[in-house]
Amino acid sequence: MHEFFPLAAGVITALLVQRLPTAKLRLVVLVLLSTVFGAIATVISGEISVSLVFLAIDTALVLLAAGVTALLIARLQRRQTPL
């Protein structure tokens, strides 16, 4: 259950950054939001009191979920584009 928040946050992050105008800006905002949501996930789960390593793990989970979601969105958009 503790890993649901980072995964959901990653999906939401990817959906939010799709509206930004440039790829560079999308990447920067994606990394920043992933770091913020990873920190929030670590605090929510209480893992911050165990080790700071969990901060990196949760941030990586958010980034992974956001990256996979962004790739899926791009693939779906290419598939729906008429030739």
PDB file of N, CA and C in Angstrom:
ATOM      1  N   MET A   1       0.817  -1.197   0.000  1.00  0.00           N
ATOM      2  CA  MET A   1       0.000   0.000   0.000  1.00  0.00           C
ATOM      3  C   MET A   1       0.859   1.258   0.000  1.00  0.00           C
ATOM      4  N   HIS A   2       2.048   1.196   0.607  1.00  0.00           N
ATOM      5  CA  HIS A   2       2.912   2.369   0.676  1.00  0.00           C
ATOM      6  C   HIS A   2       3.470   2.743  -0.693  1.00  0.00           C
ATOM      7  N   GLU A   3       3.497   1.803  -1.615  1.00  0.00           N
ATOM      8  CA  GLU A   3       4.048   2.095  -2.930  1.00  0.00           C
ATOM      9  C   GLU A   3       2.990   2.599  -3.897  1.00  0.00           C
ATOM     10  N   PHE A   4       1.745   2.651  -3.488  1.00  0.00           N
ATOM     11  CA  PHE A   4       0.693   3.158  -4.358  1.00  0.00           C
ATOM     12  C   PHE A   4       0.855   4.650  -4.616  1.00  0.00           C
ATOM     13  N   PHE A   5       1.170   5.416  -3.593  1.00  0.00           N
ATOM     14  CA  PHE A   5       1.289   6.864  -3.754  1.00  0.00           C
ATOM     15  C   PHE A   5       2.378   7.248  -4.754  1.00  0.00           C
ATOM     16  N   PRO A   6       3.591   6.695  -4.668  1.00  0.00           N
ATOM     17  CA  PRO A   6       4.610   7.079  -5.659  1.00  0.00           C
ATOM     18  C   PRO A   6       4.203   6.722  -7.091  1.00  0.00           C
ATOM     19  N   LEU A   7       3.572   5.580  -7.274  1.00  0.00           N
ATOM     20  CA  LEU A   7       3.156   5.177  -8.622  1.00  0.00           C
ATOM     21  C   LEU A   7       2.044   6.080  -9.145  1.00  0.00           C
ATOM     22  N   ALA A   8       1.059   6.364  -8.310  1.00  0.00           N
ATOM     23  CA  ALA A   8      -0.028   7.252  -8.714  1.00  0.00           C
ATOM     24  C   ALA A   8       0.492   8.666  -8.965  1.00  0.00           C
ATOM     25  N   ALA A   9       1.408   9.123  -8.139  1.00  0.00           N
ATOM     26  CA  ALA A   9       1.987  10.452  -8.322  1.00  0.00           C
ATOM     27  C   ALA A   9       2.768  10.534  -9.627  1.00  0.00           C
ATOM     28  N   GLY A  10       3.434   9.459  -9.992  1.00  0.00           N
ATOM     29  CA  GLY A  10       4.158   9.435 -11.258  1.00  0.00           C
ATOM     30  C   GLY A  10       3.229   9.531 -12.448  1.00  0.00           C
ATOM     31  N   VAL A  11       2.123   8.819 -12.397  1.00  0.00           N
ATOM     32  CA  VAL A  11       1.139   8.876 -13.489  1.00  0.00           C
ATOM     33  C   VAL A  11       0.557  10.283 -13.591  1.00  0.00           C
ATOM     34  N   ILE A  12       0.184  10.853 -12.459  1.00  0.00           N
ATOM     35  CA  ILE A  12      -0.386  12.202 -12.450  1.00  0.00           C
ATOM     36  C   ILE A  12       0.633  13.221 -12.945  1.00  0.00           C
ATOM     37  N   THR A  13       1.884  13.069 -12.536  1.00  0.00           N
ATOM     38  CA  THR A  13       2.939  13.979 -12.980  1.00  0.00           C
ATOM     39  C   THR A  13       3.089  13.938 -14.490  1.00  0.00           C
ATOM     40  N   ALA A  14       3.114  12.745 -15.058  1.00  0.00           N
ATOM     41  CA  ALA A  14       3.247  12.613 -16.510  1.00  0.00           C
ATOM     42  C   ALA A  14       2.069  13.242 -17.233  1.00  0.00           C
ATOM     43  N   LEU A  15       0.880  13.067 -16.689  1.00  0.00           N
ATOM     44  CA  LEU A  15      -0.297  13.668 -17.313  1.00  0.00           C
ATOM     45  C   LEU A  15      -0.257  15.196 -17.237  1.00  0.00           C
ATOM     46  N   LEU A  16       0.252  15.724 -16.144  1.00  0.00           N
ATOM     47  CA  LEU A  16       0.326  17.177 -15.982  1.00  0.00           C
ATOM     48  C   LEU A  16       1.345  17.813 -16.920  1.00  0.00           C
ATOM     49  N   VAL A  17       2.501  17.189 -17.073  1.00  0.00           N
ATOM     50  CA  VAL A  17       3.559  17.819 -17.873  1.00  0.00           C
ATOM     51  C   VAL A  17       3.301  17.720 -19.372  1.00  0.00           C
ATOM     52  N   GLN A  18       2.350  16.916 -19.798  1.00  0.00           N
ATOM     53  CA  GLN A  18       2.056  16.801 -21.221  1.00  0.00           C
ATOM     54  C   GLN A  18       1.556  18.109 -21.821  1.00  0.00           C
ATOM     55  N   ARG A  19       1.028  18.978 -21.001  1.00  0.00           N
ATOM     56  CA  ARG A  19       0.480  20.249 -21.486  1.00  0.00           C
ATOM     57  C   ARG A  19       1.537  21.337 -21.639  1.00  0.00           C
ATOM     58  N   LEU A  20       2.745  21.083 -21.184  1.00  0.00           N
ATOM     59  CA  LEU A  20       3.798  22.095 -21.281  1.00  0.00           C
ATOM     60  C   LEU A  20       4.308  22.181 -22.719  1.00  0.00           C
ATOM     61  N   PRO A  21       4.750  23.378 -23.136  1.00  0.00           N
ATOM     62  CA  PRO A  21       5.034  23.604 -24.560  1.00  0.00           C
ATOM     63  C   PRO A  21       6.286  22.922 -25.126  1.00  0.00           C
ATOM     64  N   THR A  22       7.364  22.823 -24.363  1.00  0.00           N
ATOM     65  CA  THR A  22       8.602  22.267 -24.924  1.00  0.00           C
ATOM     66  C   THR A  22       9.016  21.004 -24.189  1.00  0.00           C
ATOM     67  N   ALA A  23       9.757  20.173 -24.878  1.00  0.00           N
ATOM     68  CA  ALA A  23      10.221  18.914 -24.289  1.00  0.00           C
ATOM     69  C   ALA A  23      11.187  19.168 -23.133  1.00  0.00           C
ATOM     70  N   LYS A  24      12.037  20.174 -23.286  1.00  0.00           N
ATOM     71  CA  LYS A  24      12.996  20.494 -22.223  1.00  0.00           C
ATOM     72  C   LYS A  24      12.282  20.927 -20.943  1.00  0.00           C
ATOM     73  N   LEU A  25      11.278  21.757 -21.084  1.00  0.00           N
ATOM     74  CA  LEU A  25      10.504  22.212 -19.926  1.00  0.00           C
ATOM     75  C   LEU A  25       9.762  21.042 -19.294  1.00  0.00           C
ATOM     76  N   ARG A  26       9.201  20.159 -20.133  1.00  0.00           N
ATOM     77  CA  ARG A  26       8.514  18.975 -19.611  1.00  0.00           C
ATOM     78  C   ARG A  26       9.462  18.121 -18.785  1.00  0.00           C
ATOM     79  N   LEU A  27      10.682  17.927 -19.274  1.00  0.00           N
ATOM     80  CA  LEU A  27      11.658  17.109 -18.551  1.00  0.00           C
ATOM     81  C   LEU A  27      12.039  17.737 -17.214  1.00  0.00           C
ATOM     82  N   VAL A  28      12.287  19.032 -17.224  1.00  0.00           N
ATOM     83  CA  VAL A  28      12.675  19.731 -15.983  1.00  0.00           C
ATOM     84  C   VAL A  28      11.550  19.655 -14.949  1.00  0.00           C
ATOM     85  N   VAL A  29      10.334  19.936 -15.372  1.00  0.00           N
ATOM     86  CA  VAL A  29       9.198  19.911 -14.450  1.00  0.00           C
ATOM     87  C   VAL A  29       8.936  18.479 -13.968  1.00  0.00           C
ATOM     88  N   LEU A  30       9.096  17.504 -14.861  1.00  0.00           N
ATOM     89  CA  LEU A  30       8.906  16.106 -14.485  1.00  0.00           C
ATOM     90  C   LEU A  30       9.887  15.695 -13.390  1.00  0.00           C
ATOM     91  N   VAL A  31      11.140  16.075 -13.531  1.00  0.00           N
ATOM     92  CA  VAL A  31      12.144  15.727 -12.514  1.00  0.00           C
ATOM     93  C   VAL A  31      11.864  16.449 -11.204  1.00  0.00           C
ATOM     94  N   LEU A  32      11.502  17.727 -11.287  1.00  0.00           N
ATOM     95  CA  LEU A  32      11.213  18.480 -10.059  1.00  0.00           C
ATOM     96  C   LEU A  32      10.000  17.923  -9.324  1.00  0.00           C
ATOM     97  N   LEU A  33       8.923  17.663 -10.062  1.00  0.00           N
ATOM     98  CA  LEU A  33       7.724  17.129  -9.416  1.00  0.00           C
ATOM     99  C   LEU A  33       7.965  15.716  -8.879  1.00  0.00           C
ATOM    100  N   SER A  34       8.762  14.941  -9.581  1.00  0.00           N
ATOM    101  CA  SER A  34       9.075  13.596  -9.102  1.00  0.00           C
ATOM    102  C   SER A  34       9.851  13.646  -7.797  1.00  0.00           C
ATOM    103  N   THR A  35      10.756  14.595  -7.680  1.00  0.00           N
ATOM    104  CA  THR A  35      11.518  14.750  -6.444  1.00  0.00           C
ATOM    105  C   THR A  35      10.606  15.163  -5.294  1.00  0.00           C
ATOM    106  N   VAL A  36       9.718  16.108  -5.568  1.00  0.00           N
ATOM    107  CA  VAL A  36       8.785  16.567  -4.535  1.00  0.00           C
ATOM    108  C   VAL A  36       7.853  15.437  -4.106  1.00  0.00           C
ATOM    109  N   PHE A  37       7.247  14.751  -5.086  1.00  0.00           N
ATOM    110  CA  PHE A  37       6.317  13.673  -4.757  1.00  0.00           C
ATOM    111  C   PHE A  37       7.041  12.491  -4.103  1.00  0.00           C
ATOM    112  N   GLY A  38       8.285  12.250  -4.491  1.00  0.00           N
ATOM    113  CA  GLY A  38       9.065  11.191  -3.836  1.00  0.00           C
ATOM    114  C   GLY A  38       9.307  11.506  -2.373  1.00  0.00           C
ATOM    115  N   ALA A  39       9.610  12.773  -2.079  1.00  0.00           N
ATOM    116  CA  ALA A  39       9.819  13.182  -0.686  1.00  0.00           C
ATOM    117  C   ALA A  39       8.516  13.066   0.103  1.00  0.00           C
ATOM    118  N   ILE A  40       7.419  13.477  -0.507  1.00  0.00           N
ATOM    119  CA  ILE A  40       6.125  13.376   0.174  1.00  0.00           C
ATOM    120  C   ILE A  40       5.787  11.916   0.455  1.00  0.00           C
ATOM    121  N   ALA A  41       6.036  11.053  -0.513  1.00  0.00           N
ATOM    122  CA  ALA A  41       5.755   9.625  -0.330  1.00  0.00           C
ATOM    123  C   ALA A  41       6.577   9.032   0.799  1.00  0.00           C
ATOM    124  N   THR A  42       7.827   9.447   0.900  1.00  0.00           N
ATOM    125  CA  THR A  42       8.692   8.937   1.967  1.00  0.00           C
ATOM    126  C   THR A  42       8.202   9.389   3.333  1.00  0.00           C
ATOM    127  N   VAL A  43       7.749  10.622   3.418  1.00  0.00           N
ATOM    128  CA  VAL A  43       7.241  11.141   4.688  1.00  0.00           C
ATOM    129  C   VAL A  43       5.913  10.466   5.046  1.00  0.00           C
ATOM    130  N   ILE A  44       5.023  10.325   4.055  1.00  0.00           N
ATOM    131  CA  ILE A  44       3.719   9.710   4.306  1.00  0.00           C
ATOM    132  C   ILE A  44       3.870   8.285   4.834  1.00  0.00           C
ATOM    133  N   SER A  45       4.773   7.532   4.237  1.00  0.00           N
ATOM    134  CA  SER A  45       4.942   6.127   4.627  1.00  0.00           C
ATOM    135  C   SER A  45       5.705   5.970   5.937  1.00  0.00           C
ATOM    136  N   GLY A  46       6.333   7.035   6.403  1.00  0.00           N
ATOM    137  CA  GLY A  46       7.104   6.963   7.638  1.00  0.00           C
ATOM    138  C   GLY A  46       8.491   6.384   7.465  1.00  0.00           C
ATOM    139  N   GLU A  47       8.879   6.128   6.217  1.00  0.00           N
ATOM    140  CA  GLU A  47      10.192   5.537   5.953  1.00  0.00           C
ATOM    141  C   GLU A  47      11.331   6.523   6.162  1.00  0.00           C
ATOM    142  N   ILE A  48      11.019   7.802   6.225  1.00  0.00           N
ATOM    143  CA  ILE A  48      12.046   8.817   6.412  1.00  0.00           C
ATOM    144  C   ILE A  48      12.756   8.637   7.752  1.00  0.00           C
ATOM    145  N   SER A  49      12.032   8.092   8.743  1.00  0.00           N
ATOM    146  CA  SER A  49      12.648   7.887  10.057  1.00  0.00           C
ATOM    147  C   SER A  49      13.559   6.654  10.073  1.00  0.00           C
ATOM    148  N   VAL A  50      13.422   5.797   9.062  1.00  0.00           N
ATOM    149  CA  VAL A  50      14.260   4.597   8.987  1.00  0.00           C
ATOM    150  C   VAL A  50      15.578   4.917   8.306  1.00  0.00           C
ATOM    151  N   SER A  51      15.482   5.505   7.095  1.00  0.00           N
ATOM    152  CA  SER A  51      16.690   5.796   6.330  1.00  0.00           C
ATOM    153  C   SER A  51      16.369   6.770   5.214  1.00  0.00           C
ATOM    154  N   LEU A  52      17.352   7.595   4.863  1.00  0.00           N
ATOM    155  CA  LEU A  52      17.188   8.524   3.754  1.00  0.00           C
ATOM    156  C   LEU A  52      17.253   7.805   2.399  1.00  0.00           C
ATOM    157  N   VAL A  53      17.678   6.557   2.407  1.00  0.00           N
ATOM    158  CA  VAL A  53      17.723   5.780   1.172  1.00  0.00           C
ATOM    159  C   VAL A  53      16.323   5.640   0.585  1.00  0.00           C
ATOM    160  N   PHE A  54      15.322   5.580   1.453  1.00  0.00           N
ATOM    161  CA  PHE A  54      13.947   5.457   0.980  1.00  0.00           C
ATOM    162  C   PHE A  54      13.505   6.685   0.186  1.00  0.00           C
ATOM    163  N   LEU A  55      14.106   7.828   0.453  1.00  0.00           N
ATOM    164  CA  LEU A  55      13.820   9.031  -0.328  1.00  0.00           C
ATOM    165  C   LEU A  55      14.231   8.807  -1.788  1.00  0.00           C
ATOM    166  N   ALA A  56      15.400   8.242  -1.987  1.00  0.00           N
ATOM    167  CA  ALA A  56      15.861   7.950  -3.348  1.00  0.00           C
ATOM    168  C   ALA A  56      15.001   6.877  -4.006  1.00  0.00           C
ATOM    169  N   ILE A  57      14.605   5.877  -3.246  1.00  0.00           N
ATOM    170  CA  ILE A  57      13.783   4.794  -3.789  1.00  0.00           C
ATOM    171  C   ILE A  57      12.414   5.323  -4.213  1.00  0.00           C
ATOM    172  N   ASP A  58      11.771   6.102  -3.361  1.00  0.00           N
ATOM    173  CA  ASP A  58      10.448   6.628  -3.690  1.00  0.00           C
ATOM    174  C   ASP A  58      10.517   7.618  -4.851  1.00  0.00           C
ATOM    175  N   THR A  59      11.567   8.430  -4.887  1.00  0.00           N
ATOM    176  CA  THR A  59      11.739   9.355  -6.004  1.00  0.00           C
ATOM    177  C   THR A  59      11.940   8.587  -7.306  1.00  0.00           C
ATOM    178  N   ALA A  60      12.713   7.525  -7.245  1.00  0.00           N
ATOM    179  CA  ALA A  60      12.922   6.696  -8.433  1.00  0.00           C
ATOM    180  C   ALA A  60      11.619   6.036  -8.887  1.00  0.00           C
ATOM    181  N   LEU A  61      10.798   5.615  -7.947  1.00  0.00           N
ATOM    182  CA  LEU A  61       9.495   5.030  -8.307  1.00  0.00           C
ATOM    183  C   LEU A  61       8.602   6.050  -9.007  1.00  0.00           C
ATOM    184  N   VAL A  62       8.587   7.259  -8.504  1.00  0.00           N
ATOM    185  CA  VAL A  62       7.782   8.304  -9.135  1.00  0.00           C
ATOM    186  C   VAL A  62       8.314   8.585 -10.543  1.00  0.00           C
ATOM    187  N   LEU A  63       9.626   8.698 -10.675  1.00  0.00           N
ATOM    188  CA  LEU A  63      10.230   8.937 -11.988  1.00  0.00           C
ATOM    189  C   LEU A  63       9.941   7.799 -12.954  1.00  0.00           C
ATOM    190  N   LEU A  64      10.043   6.578 -12.484  1.00  0.00           N
ATOM    191  CA  LEU A  64       9.782   5.422 -13.325  1.00  0.00           C
ATOM    192  C   LEU A  64       8.328   5.404 -13.811  1.00  0.00           C
ATOM    193  N   ALA A  65       7.414   5.613 -12.890  1.00  0.00           N
ATOM    194  CA  ALA A  65       6.001   5.631 -13.260  1.00  0.00           C
ATOM    195  C   ALA A  65       5.696   6.788 -14.224  1.00  0.00           C
ATOM    196  N   ALA A  66       6.301   7.929 -13.992  1.00  0.00           N
ATOM    197  CA  ALA A  66       6.087   9.077 -14.875  1.00  0.00           C
ATOM    198  C   ALA A  66       6.682   8.812 -16.256  1.00  0.00           C
ATOM    199  N   GLY A  67       7.852   8.223 -16.288  1.00  0.00           N
ATOM    200  CA  GLY A  67       8.491   7.921 -17.568  1.00  0.00           C
ATOM    201  C   GLY A  67       7.703   6.917 -18.387  1.00  0.00           C
ATOM    202  N   VAL A  68       7.254   5.859 -17.750  1.00  0.00           N
ATOM    203  CA  VAL A  68       6.462   4.846 -18.452  1.00  0.00           C
ATOM    204  C   VAL A  68       5.147   5.446 -18.947  1.00  0.00           C
ATOM    205  N   THR A  69       4.517   6.241 -18.112  1.00  0.00           N
ATOM    206  CA  THR A  69       3.259   6.873 -18.510  1.00  0.00           C
ATOM    207  C   THR A  69       3.477   7.838 -19.676  1.00  0.00           C
ATOM    208  N   ALA A  70       4.539   8.623 -19.632  1.00  0.00           N
ATOM    209  CA  ALA A  70       4.830   9.558 -20.723  1.00  0.00           C
ATOM    210  C   ALA A  70       5.089   8.805 -22.028  1.00  0.00           C
ATOM    211  N   LEU A  71       5.813   7.692 -21.954  1.00  0.00           N
ATOM    212  CA  LEU A  71       6.052   6.890 -23.158  1.00  0.00           C
ATOM    213  C   LEU A  71       4.760   6.303 -23.707  1.00  0.00           C
ATOM    214  N   LEU A  72       3.906   5.820 -22.831  1.00  0.00           N
ATOM    215  CA  LEU A  72       2.625   5.281 -23.278  1.00  0.00           C
ATOM    216  C   LEU A  72       1.747   6.358 -23.920  1.00  0.00           C
ATOM    217  N   ILE A  73       1.753   7.539 -23.347  1.00  0.00           N
ATOM    218  CA  ILE A  73       0.977   8.640 -23.918  1.00  0.00           C
ATOM    219  C   ILE A  73       1.511   8.987 -25.311  1.00  0.00           C
ATOM    220  N   ALA A  74       2.819   9.074 -25.442  1.00  0.00           N
ATOM    221  CA  ALA A  74       3.417   9.390 -26.746  1.00  0.00           C
ATOM    222  C   ALA A  74       3.085   8.311 -27.773  1.00  0.00           C
ATOM    223  N   ARG A  75       3.152   7.068 -27.370  1.00  0.00           N
ATOM    224  CA  ARG A  75       2.841   5.966 -28.287  1.00  0.00           C
ATOM    225  C   ARG A  75       1.373   6.010 -28.715  1.00  0.00           C
ATOM    226  N   LEU A  76       0.485   6.273 -27.762  1.00  0.00           N
ATOM    227  CA  LEU A  76      -0.940   6.358 -28.101  1.00  0.00           C
ATOM    228  C   LEU A  76      -1.227   7.535 -29.020  1.00  0.00           C
ATOM    229  N   GLN A  77      -0.554   8.651 -28.798  1.00  0.00           N
ATOM    230  CA  GLN A  77      -0.764   9.817 -29.653  1.00  0.00           C
ATOM    231  C   GLN A  77      -0.275   9.543 -31.068  1.00  0.00           C
ATOM    232  N   ARG A  78       0.859   8.844 -31.215  1.00  0.00           N
ATOM    233  CA  ARG A  78       1.375   8.495 -32.543  1.00  0.00           C
ATOM    234  C   ARG A  78       0.437   7.516 -33.241  1.00  0.00           C
ATOM    235  N   ARG A  79      -0.113   6.590 -32.490  1.00  0.00           N
ATOM    236  CA  ARG A  79      -1.002   5.584 -33.069  1.00  0.00           C
ATOM    237  C   ARG A  79      -2.296   6.223 -33.574  1.00  0.00           C
ATOM    238  N   GLN A  80      -2.785   7.248 -32.884  1.00  0.00           N
ATOM    239  CA  GLN A  80      -4.048   7.867 -33.254  1.00  0.00           C
ATOM    240  C   GLN A  80      -3.891   8.937 -34.336  1.00  0.00           C
ATOM    241  N   THR A  81      -2.661   9.317 -34.642  1.00  0.00           N
ATOM    242  CA  THR A  81      -2.429  10.336 -35.661  1.00  0.00           C
ATOM    243  C   THR A  81      -2.650   9.718 -37.038  1.00  0.00           C
ATOM    244  N   PRO A  82      -3.552  10.302 -37.845  1.00  0.00           N
ATOM    245  CA  PRO A  82      -3.782   9.760 -39.182  1.00  0.00           C
ATOM    246  C   PRO A  82      -2.587  10.029 -40.094  1.00  0.00           C
ATOM    247  N   LEU A  83      -2.321   9.097 -40.960  1.00  0.00           N
ATOM    248  CA  LEU A  83      -1.189   9.244 -41.877  1.00  0.00           C
ATOM    249  C   LEU A  83      -1.510  10.080 -43.063  1.00  0.00           C
TER     250      LEU A  83
END
